[in-house]
Amino acid sequence: MRSKKPSPKTAALDELPKLDEHLCFALYAAGNHMTRLFVPFLKTLGVTYPQYLVLVVLWERDDMTVGELAAALLMDLGSLSPMLKRMERKGLVTRRRDPDDERRVVVSLSSSGNTLRQQTKQMLGEFYCFLSVPVDELVELRDRLHRFTAQAGPDATKRLAVA
């Protein structure tokens, strides 16, 4: 798929922004920083960040197909499937063929995966305290990032319709 060409109404910038002035770099650096801060807390649960995200989605709605999980996490199946196998070996999830359609694999939380939910509540409380940023500011930042993701780019209207 070809990327959409800039509108002819756009104009080149007079100056190239410095690294710290690039929005893409600020988002990249913030994402990396957040992950580095969060990983030690996830180690107390014994999961990686992507595994944690899978658990969060399954805590919201258990018994999802691999395709539904991939869509919810904005992940490709090639990355998700091996991770789910590892999570199954750790005893966090179970995978089974859908009896109505053998091509589909349904992922469910195991009792161990469900048990981690309570530990996660404690861990998140500790993590938010560790950040030393008021919770209302964190909520505002999260909401602004969601709006940015929904509104930015040529497919924004499609994302807004789905959301």
N, C-alpha and C. Protein backbone atom coordinates (compact mmCIF):
# COMPACT_ATOMS: atom_id res chain seq x y z
N MET A 1 0.84 -1.18 0.00
CA MET A 1 0.00 0.00 0.00
C MET A 1 0.89 1.24 0.00
N ARG A 2 0.61 2.14 -0.88
CA ARG A 2 1.40 3.36 -0.96
C ARG A 2 0.92 4.36 0.07
N SER A 3 1.88 5.12 0.59
CA SER A 3 1.49 6.16 1.54
C SER A 3 0.91 7.34 0.77
N LYS A 4 0.01 8.03 1.41
CA LYS A 4 -0.64 9.19 0.80
C LYS A 4 0.37 10.32 0.69
N LYS A 5 0.39 10.96 -0.47
CA LYS A 5 1.30 12.08 -0.67
C LYS A 5 0.78 13.30 0.08
N PRO A 6 1.70 14.13 0.57
CA PRO A 6 1.26 15.35 1.26
C PRO A 6 0.41 16.21 0.34
N SER A 7 -0.53 16.91 0.90
CA SER A 7 -1.39 17.80 0.16
C SER A 7 -0.55 18.90 -0.48
N PRO A 8 -0.91 19.34 -1.68
CA PRO A 8 -0.14 20.43 -2.31
C PRO A 8 -0.21 21.72 -1.50
N LYS A 9 -1.15 21.82 -0.57
CA LYS A 9 -1.26 23.03 0.25
C LYS A 9 -0.19 23.09 1.33
N THR A 10 0.53 22.01 1.56
CA THR A 10 1.55 22.02 2.60
C THR A 10 2.78 22.75 2.09
N ALA A 11 3.53 23.29 3.02
CA ALA A 11 4.74 24.01 2.66
C ALA A 11 5.90 23.45 3.47
N ALA A 12 7.07 23.51 2.91
CA ALA A 12 8.27 23.06 3.62
C ALA A 12 8.53 23.99 4.81
N LEU A 13 9.08 23.43 5.84
CA LEU A 13 9.45 24.23 7.01
C LEU A 13 10.65 25.10 6.67
N ASP A 14 10.73 26.24 7.31
CA ASP A 14 11.88 27.12 7.11
C ASP A 14 13.14 26.50 7.70
N GLU A 15 12.98 25.87 8.85
CA GLU A 15 14.11 25.26 9.55
C GLU A 15 13.76 23.82 9.90
N LEU A 16 14.73 22.96 9.86
CA LEU A 16 14.55 21.58 10.30
C LEU A 16 14.56 21.57 11.83
N PRO A 17 13.53 21.01 12.45
CA PRO A 17 13.51 21.00 13.92
C PRO A 17 14.68 20.21 14.48
N LYS A 18 15.15 20.63 15.65
CA LYS A 18 16.18 19.88 16.35
C LYS A 18 15.55 18.60 16.88
N LEU A 19 16.36 17.66 17.25
CA LEU A 19 15.87 16.36 17.71
C LEU A 19 14.82 16.51 18.81
N ASP A 20 15.10 17.30 19.83
CA ASP A 20 14.17 17.46 20.95
C ASP A 20 12.90 18.20 20.56
N GLU A 21 12.86 18.79 19.37
CA GLU A 21 11.67 19.49 18.91
C GLU A 21 10.77 18.61 18.05
N HIS A 22 11.22 17.40 17.73
CA HIS A 22 10.42 16.47 16.93
C HIS A 22 9.38 15.78 17.80
N LEU A 23 8.15 15.83 17.40
CA LEU A 23 7.08 15.12 18.10
C LEU A 23 7.35 13.62 18.11
N CYS A 24 7.77 13.08 16.97
CA CYS A 24 8.01 11.64 16.89
C CYS A 24 9.08 11.21 17.89
N PHE A 25 10.10 12.02 18.09
CA PHE A 25 11.15 11.67 19.05
C PHE A 25 10.63 11.75 20.48
N ALA A 26 9.82 12.77 20.77
CA ALA A 26 9.26 12.91 22.12
C ALA A 26 8.40 11.70 22.46
N LEU A 27 7.57 11.25 21.51
CA LEU A 27 6.73 10.07 21.74
C LEU A 27 7.59 8.81 21.88
N TYR A 28 8.59 8.68 21.04
CA TYR A 28 9.50 7.54 21.09
C TYR A 28 10.24 7.48 22.43
N ALA A 29 10.79 8.61 22.84
CA ALA A 29 11.55 8.67 24.09
C ALA A 29 10.63 8.41 25.29
N ALA A 30 9.44 8.96 25.27
CA ALA A 30 8.50 8.75 26.38
C ALA A 30 8.09 7.28 26.46
N GLY A 31 7.83 6.67 25.32
CA GLY A 31 7.47 5.25 25.30
C GLY A 31 8.58 4.38 25.85
N ASN A 32 9.80 4.64 25.40
CA ASN A 32 10.95 3.88 25.90
C ASN A 32 11.15 4.09 27.40
N HIS A 33 11.03 5.34 27.83
CA HIS A 33 11.22 5.65 29.25
C HIS A 33 10.16 4.95 30.11
N MET A 34 8.92 5.01 29.67
CA MET A 34 7.83 4.37 30.41
C MET A 34 8.08 2.86 30.51
N THR A 35 8.47 2.25 29.42
CA THR A 35 8.72 0.80 29.43
C THR A 35 9.86 0.47 30.39
N ARG A 36 10.95 1.25 30.35
CA ARG A 36 12.08 0.99 31.26
C ARG A 36 11.66 1.12 32.72
N LEU A 37 10.80 2.08 33.01
CA LEU A 37 10.31 2.24 34.38
C LEU A 37 9.39 1.10 34.79
N PHE A 38 8.60 0.61 33.86
CA PHE A 38 7.56 -0.38 34.15
C PHE A 38 8.10 -1.81 34.26
N VAL A 39 9.13 -2.14 33.49
CA VAL A 39 9.63 -3.52 33.44
C VAL A 39 10.00 -4.08 34.81
N PRO A 40 10.70 -3.36 35.68
CA PRO A 40 10.99 -3.94 37.00
C PRO A 40 9.73 -4.30 37.79
N PHE A 41 8.67 -3.54 37.62
CA PHE A 41 7.42 -3.84 38.30
C PHE A 41 6.77 -5.09 37.71
N LEU A 42 6.90 -5.24 36.39
CA LEU A 42 6.35 -6.43 35.73
C LEU A 42 7.11 -7.70 36.14
N LYS A 43 8.40 -7.54 36.43
CA LYS A 43 9.18 -8.70 36.87
C LYS A 43 8.61 -9.31 38.14
N THR A 44 8.00 -8.48 39.00
CA THR A 44 7.39 -9.02 40.21
C THR A 44 6.21 -9.94 39.87
N LEU A 45 5.61 -9.73 38.70
CA LEU A 45 4.52 -10.59 38.24
C LEU A 45 5.04 -11.77 37.42
N GLY A 46 6.30 -11.68 36.99
CA GLY A 46 6.88 -12.74 36.17
C GLY A 46 6.45 -12.72 34.72
N VAL A 47 6.11 -11.52 34.21
CA VAL A 47 5.69 -11.40 32.82
C VAL A 47 6.45 -10.28 32.12
N THR A 48 6.49 -10.37 30.81
CA THR A 48 7.07 -9.31 29.98
C THR A 48 5.98 -8.27 29.71
N TYR A 49 6.38 -7.14 29.16
CA TYR A 49 5.39 -6.10 28.86
C TYR A 49 4.34 -6.59 27.85
N PRO A 50 4.72 -7.21 26.73
CA PRO A 50 3.69 -7.70 25.81
C PRO A 50 2.78 -8.75 26.45
N GLN A 51 3.34 -9.62 27.29
CA GLN A 51 2.52 -10.61 27.99
C GLN A 51 1.53 -9.93 28.93
N TYR A 52 1.99 -8.88 29.59
CA TYR A 52 1.12 -8.11 30.48
C TYR A 52 -0.06 -7.54 29.70
N LEU A 53 0.20 -7.00 28.52
CA LEU A 53 -0.88 -6.43 27.71
C LEU A 53 -1.90 -7.50 27.32
N VAL A 54 -1.43 -8.69 27.00
CA VAL A 54 -2.35 -9.80 26.69
C VAL A 54 -3.23 -10.08 27.90
N LEU A 55 -2.62 -10.15 29.08
CA LEU A 55 -3.39 -10.40 30.30
C LEU A 55 -4.43 -9.31 30.53
N VAL A 56 -4.04 -8.06 30.34
CA VAL A 56 -4.98 -6.95 30.54
C VAL A 56 -6.20 -7.11 29.65
N VAL A 57 -5.96 -7.44 28.37
CA VAL A 57 -7.08 -7.62 27.44
C VAL A 57 -7.96 -8.79 27.88
N LEU A 58 -7.34 -9.89 28.30
CA LEU A 58 -8.12 -11.06 28.73
C LEU A 58 -8.84 -10.81 30.05
N TRP A 59 -8.29 -9.96 30.92
CA TRP A 59 -9.01 -9.61 32.15
C TRP A 59 -10.26 -8.80 31.82
N GLU A 60 -10.19 -8.03 30.75
CA GLU A 60 -11.35 -7.26 30.32
C GLU A 60 -12.41 -8.16 29.68
N ARG A 61 -11.96 -9.10 28.88
CA ARG A 61 -12.87 -10.00 28.17
C ARG A 61 -12.15 -11.31 27.89
N ASP A 62 -12.46 -12.33 28.66
CA ASP A 62 -11.83 -13.64 28.51
C ASP A 62 -12.38 -14.35 27.27
N ASP A 63 -11.74 -15.43 26.91
CA ASP A 63 -12.17 -16.26 25.78
C ASP A 63 -12.21 -15.48 24.48
N MET A 64 -11.04 -15.08 24.01
CA MET A 64 -10.92 -14.35 22.75
C MET A 64 -10.14 -15.18 21.75
N THR A 65 -10.46 -15.03 20.48
CA THR A 65 -9.67 -15.69 19.47
C THR A 65 -8.32 -14.98 19.35
N VAL A 66 -7.37 -15.67 18.77
CA VAL A 66 -6.05 -15.07 18.56
C VAL A 66 -6.19 -13.83 17.69
N GLY A 67 -7.04 -13.89 16.69
CA GLY A 67 -7.27 -12.74 15.82
C GLY A 67 -7.86 -11.55 16.56
N GLU A 68 -8.81 -11.80 17.45
CA GLU A 68 -9.39 -10.72 18.25
C GLU A 68 -8.35 -10.10 19.17
N LEU A 69 -7.52 -10.94 19.77
CA LEU A 69 -6.43 -10.42 20.63
C LEU A 69 -5.47 -9.57 19.81
N ALA A 70 -5.08 -10.06 18.64
CA ALA A 70 -4.15 -9.32 17.78
C ALA A 70 -4.73 -7.96 17.42
N ALA A 71 -6.02 -7.91 17.11
CA ALA A 71 -6.65 -6.65 16.75
C ALA A 71 -6.70 -5.70 17.95
N ALA A 72 -7.03 -6.22 19.11
CA ALA A 72 -7.11 -5.38 20.31
C ALA A 72 -5.76 -4.81 20.68
N LEU A 73 -4.70 -5.58 20.47
CA LEU A 73 -3.35 -5.17 20.86
C LEU A 73 -2.59 -4.47 19.73
N LEU A 74 -3.22 -4.36 18.56
CA LEU A 74 -2.55 -3.79 17.38
C LEU A 74 -1.25 -4.55 17.10
N MET A 75 -1.32 -5.87 17.18
CA MET A 75 -0.16 -6.75 17.01
C MET A 75 -0.40 -7.67 15.82
N ASP A 76 0.67 -8.11 15.20
CA ASP A 76 0.51 -9.06 14.11
C ASP A 76 0.50 -10.49 14.68
N LEU A 77 -0.18 -11.37 13.98
CA LEU A 77 -0.33 -12.75 14.43
C LEU A 77 1.01 -13.46 14.56
N GLY A 78 1.95 -13.12 13.69
CA GLY A 78 3.26 -13.76 13.72
C GLY A 78 4.03 -13.50 15.01
N SER A 79 3.79 -12.37 15.66
CA SER A 79 4.42 -12.06 16.94
C SER A 79 3.59 -12.59 18.11
N LEU A 80 2.28 -12.54 17.96
CA LEU A 80 1.40 -12.90 19.06
C LEU A 80 1.36 -14.41 19.32
N SER A 81 1.27 -15.20 18.27
CA SER A 81 1.12 -16.65 18.44
C SER A 81 2.25 -17.29 19.25
N PRO A 82 3.52 -17.02 18.94
CA PRO A 82 4.59 -17.61 19.76
C PRO A 82 4.56 -17.14 21.22
N MET A 83 4.17 -15.88 21.43
CA MET A 83 4.08 -15.36 22.79
C MET A 83 2.98 -16.09 23.56
N LEU A 84 1.86 -16.35 22.91
CA LEU A 84 0.77 -17.07 23.56
C LEU A 84 1.20 -18.49 23.93
N LYS A 85 1.99 -19.11 23.08
CA LYS A 85 2.52 -20.45 23.40
C LYS A 85 3.40 -20.40 24.64
N ARG A 86 4.24 -19.37 24.74
CA ARG A 86 5.08 -19.22 25.93
C ARG A 86 4.24 -18.97 27.18
N MET A 87 3.20 -18.16 27.03
CA MET A 87 2.32 -17.88 28.16
C MET A 87 1.56 -19.14 28.59
N GLU A 88 1.24 -19.97 27.63
CA GLU A 88 0.58 -21.24 27.96
C GLU A 88 1.54 -22.16 28.72
N ARG A 89 2.79 -22.21 28.28
CA ARG A 89 3.80 -23.02 29.00
C ARG A 89 4.02 -22.52 30.42
N LYS A 90 3.88 -21.18 30.62
CA LYS A 90 4.01 -20.61 31.97
C LYS A 90 2.76 -20.84 32.81
N GLY A 91 1.70 -21.33 32.20
CA GLY A 91 0.47 -21.60 32.92
C GLY A 91 -0.43 -20.39 33.09
N LEU A 92 -0.24 -19.35 32.28
CA LEU A 92 -1.04 -18.12 32.40
C LEU A 92 -2.32 -18.16 31.57
N VAL A 93 -2.26 -18.84 30.44
CA VAL A 93 -3.42 -18.93 29.54
C VAL A 93 -3.56 -20.37 29.04
N THR A 94 -4.73 -20.63 28.48
CA THR A 94 -4.94 -21.88 27.76
C THR A 94 -5.35 -21.53 26.34
N ARG A 95 -5.03 -22.42 25.43
CA ARG A 95 -5.42 -22.23 24.02
C ARG A 95 -6.16 -23.49 23.59
N ARG A 96 -7.26 -23.30 22.88
CA ARG A 96 -8.00 -24.44 22.38
C ARG A 96 -8.63 -24.09 21.04
N ARG A 97 -8.87 -25.07 20.23
CA ARG A 97 -9.54 -24.86 18.95
C ARG A 97 -11.01 -24.56 19.19
N ASP A 98 -11.53 -23.63 18.41
CA ASP A 98 -12.95 -23.31 18.47
C ASP A 98 -13.73 -24.49 17.90
N PRO A 99 -14.64 -25.10 18.67
CA PRO A 99 -15.38 -26.26 18.16
C PRO A 99 -16.24 -25.93 16.93
N ASP A 100 -16.64 -24.66 16.78
CA ASP A 100 -17.45 -24.26 15.64
C ASP A 100 -16.62 -23.96 14.40
N ASP A 101 -15.35 -23.70 14.59
CA ASP A 101 -14.45 -23.39 13.47
C ASP A 101 -13.04 -23.78 13.88
N GLU A 102 -12.60 -24.96 13.48
CA GLU A 102 -11.31 -25.52 13.89
C GLU A 102 -10.12 -24.65 13.49
N ARG A 103 -10.32 -23.72 12.56
CA ARG A 103 -9.21 -22.85 12.15
C ARG A 103 -8.92 -21.79 13.20
N ARG A 104 -9.89 -21.51 14.06
CA ARG A 104 -9.74 -20.45 15.07
C ARG A 104 -9.27 -21.03 16.39
N VAL A 105 -8.35 -20.31 17.03
CA VAL A 105 -7.85 -20.70 18.35
C VAL A 105 -8.38 -19.69 19.37
N VAL A 106 -8.99 -20.21 20.42
CA VAL A 106 -9.54 -19.37 21.48
C VAL A 106 -8.56 -19.36 22.65
N VAL A 107 -8.26 -18.19 23.15
CA VAL A 107 -7.33 -18.02 24.27
C VAL A 107 -8.15 -17.63 25.50
N SER A 108 -7.86 -18.31 26.61
CA SER A 108 -8.55 -18.05 27.88
C SER A 108 -7.54 -17.93 28.99
N LEU A 109 -7.93 -17.24 30.04
CA LEU A 109 -7.08 -17.14 31.22
C LEU A 109 -7.11 -18.46 31.98
N SER A 110 -5.98 -18.86 32.50
CA SER A 110 -5.94 -19.99 33.43
C SER A 110 -6.22 -19.45 34.83
N SER A 111 -6.30 -20.33 35.80
CA SER A 111 -6.51 -19.85 37.17
C SER A 111 -5.32 -19.00 37.61
N SER A 112 -4.10 -19.37 37.18
CA SER A 112 -2.92 -18.55 37.51
C SER A 112 -3.00 -17.18 36.86
N GLY A 113 -3.47 -17.13 35.64
CA GLY A 113 -3.63 -15.85 34.95
C GLY A 113 -4.65 -14.98 35.65
N ASN A 114 -5.72 -15.58 36.12
CA ASN A 114 -6.73 -14.83 36.88
C ASN A 114 -6.19 -14.34 38.21
N THR A 115 -5.38 -15.17 38.87
CA THR A 115 -4.81 -14.81 40.16
C THR A 115 -3.89 -13.59 40.05
N LEU A 116 -3.18 -13.48 38.93
CA LEU A 116 -2.28 -12.33 38.73
C LEU A 116 -3.02 -11.00 38.72
N ARG A 117 -4.31 -11.03 38.45
CA ARG A 117 -5.09 -9.78 38.41
C ARG A 117 -5.02 -9.05 39.75
N GLN A 118 -5.18 -9.76 40.85
CA GLN A 118 -5.11 -9.13 42.18
C GLN A 118 -3.72 -8.58 42.45
N GLN A 119 -2.69 -9.35 42.13
CA GLN A 119 -1.31 -8.88 42.32
C GLN A 119 -1.05 -7.63 41.48
N THR A 120 -1.65 -7.60 40.30
CA THR A 120 -1.44 -6.47 39.40
C THR A 120 -2.03 -5.19 39.97
N LYS A 121 -3.17 -5.28 40.63
CA LYS A 121 -3.76 -4.09 41.25
C LYS A 121 -2.78 -3.48 42.25
N GLN A 122 -2.17 -4.32 43.06
CA GLN A 122 -1.18 -3.84 44.03
C GLN A 122 0.04 -3.26 43.32
N MET A 123 0.52 -3.97 42.31
CA MET A 123 1.70 -3.52 41.57
C MET A 123 1.45 -2.18 40.91
N LEU A 124 0.27 -2.00 40.31
CA LEU A 124 -0.03 -0.72 39.65
C LEU A 124 -0.10 0.43 40.64
N GLY A 125 -0.65 0.18 41.81
CA GLY A 125 -0.67 1.21 42.85
C GLY A 125 0.73 1.64 43.22
N GLU A 126 1.62 0.66 43.39
CA GLU A 126 3.02 0.96 43.71
C GLU A 126 3.69 1.70 42.55
N PHE A 127 3.40 1.30 41.32
CA PHE A 127 4.01 1.93 40.16
C PHE A 127 3.58 3.39 40.04
N TYR A 128 2.28 3.66 40.19
CA TYR A 128 1.81 5.04 40.08
C TYR A 128 2.43 5.93 41.15
N CYS A 129 2.61 5.39 42.36
CA CYS A 129 3.29 6.15 43.41
C CYS A 129 4.75 6.41 43.02
N PHE A 130 5.40 5.40 42.44
CA PHE A 130 6.79 5.50 42.02
C PHE A 130 6.98 6.60 40.98
N LEU A 131 5.99 6.78 40.10
CA LEU A 131 6.11 7.78 39.03
C LEU A 131 6.18 9.20 39.58
N SER A 132 5.60 9.45 40.73
CA SER A 132 5.60 10.79 41.35
C SER A 132 4.96 11.84 40.45
N VAL A 133 3.95 11.44 39.71
CA VAL A 133 3.18 12.37 38.88
C VAL A 133 1.74 12.24 39.36
N PRO A 134 1.06 13.35 39.60
CA PRO A 134 -0.33 13.25 40.05
C PRO A 134 -1.19 12.40 39.11
N VAL A 135 -2.04 11.58 39.68
CA VAL A 135 -2.87 10.66 38.88
C VAL A 135 -3.71 11.41 37.86
N ASP A 136 -4.25 12.57 38.21
CA ASP A 136 -5.07 13.31 37.25
C ASP A 136 -4.24 13.73 36.03
N GLU A 137 -2.97 14.03 36.23
CA GLU A 137 -2.10 14.37 35.09
C GLU A 137 -1.82 13.13 34.23
N LEU A 138 -1.65 11.98 34.87
CA LEU A 138 -1.45 10.74 34.12
C LEU A 138 -2.68 10.41 33.28
N VAL A 139 -3.85 10.59 33.86
CA VAL A 139 -5.10 10.32 33.15
C VAL A 139 -5.25 11.28 31.97
N GLU A 140 -4.93 12.55 32.19
CA GLU A 140 -5.01 13.54 31.11
C GLU A 140 -4.04 13.20 29.98
N LEU A 141 -2.82 12.79 30.34
CA LEU A 141 -1.83 12.41 29.33
C LEU A 141 -2.32 11.21 28.53
N ARG A 142 -2.81 10.20 29.23
CA ARG A 142 -3.32 9.00 28.55
C ARG A 142 -4.44 9.38 27.59
N ASP A 143 -5.38 10.20 28.04
CA ASP A 143 -6.51 10.59 27.20
C ASP A 143 -6.05 11.39 25.98
N ARG A 144 -5.08 12.26 26.18
CA ARG A 144 -4.55 13.05 25.04
C ARG A 144 -3.86 12.13 24.03
N LEU A 145 -3.14 11.13 24.51
CA LEU A 145 -2.48 10.19 23.61
C LEU A 145 -3.51 9.36 22.84
N HIS A 146 -4.58 8.97 23.50
CA HIS A 146 -5.66 8.24 22.80
C HIS A 146 -6.27 9.12 21.70
N ARG A 147 -6.52 10.38 22.03
CA ARG A 147 -7.08 11.30 21.03
C ARG A 147 -6.12 11.46 19.86
N PHE A 148 -4.84 11.61 20.16
CA PHE A 148 -3.83 11.76 19.11
C PHE A 148 -3.85 10.53 18.19
N THR A 149 -3.86 9.36 18.79
CA THR A 149 -3.85 8.12 18.00
C THR A 149 -5.09 8.03 17.12
N ALA A 150 -6.22 8.46 17.64
CA ALA A 150 -7.46 8.40 16.88
C ALA A 150 -7.53 9.45 15.77
N GLN A 151 -6.93 10.62 16.00
CA GLN A 151 -7.12 11.74 15.08
C GLN A 151 -6.01 11.93 14.07
N ALA A 152 -4.81 11.48 14.37
CA ALA A 152 -3.66 11.80 13.51
C ALA A 152 -3.57 10.84 12.32
N GLY A 153 -3.32 11.39 11.17
CA GLY A 153 -3.05 10.59 9.99
C GLY A 153 -4.24 10.43 9.07
N PRO A 154 -3.97 9.89 7.88
CA PRO A 154 -5.01 9.80 6.85
C PRO A 154 -6.12 8.81 7.20
N ASP A 155 -5.90 7.84 8.07
CA ASP A 155 -6.93 6.87 8.42
C ASP A 155 -7.69 7.26 9.67
N ALA A 156 -7.56 8.50 10.11
CA ALA A 156 -8.18 8.94 11.36
C ALA A 156 -9.69 8.74 11.35
N THR A 157 -10.34 9.04 10.24
CA THR A 157 -11.80 8.91 10.23
C THR A 157 -12.21 7.45 10.38
N LYS A 158 -11.42 6.52 9.83
CA LYS A 158 -11.72 5.10 9.99
C LYS A 158 -11.55 4.69 11.44
N ARG A 159 -10.48 5.16 12.10
CA ARG A 159 -10.23 4.81 13.50
C ARG A 159 -11.30 5.40 14.40
N LEU A 160 -11.75 6.63 14.10
CA LEU A 160 -12.78 7.26 14.91
C LEU A 160 -14.11 6.50 14.77
N ALA A 161 -14.40 5.99 13.57
CA ALA A 161 -15.65 5.26 13.36
C ALA A 161 -15.64 3.95 14.12
N VAL A 162 -14.48 3.31 14.25
CA VAL A 162 -14.36 2.04 14.96
C VAL A 162 -14.41 2.25 16.46
N ALA A 163 -13.82 3.34 16.94
CA ALA A 163 -13.72 3.59 18.38
C ALA A 163 -15.03 3.91 19.05
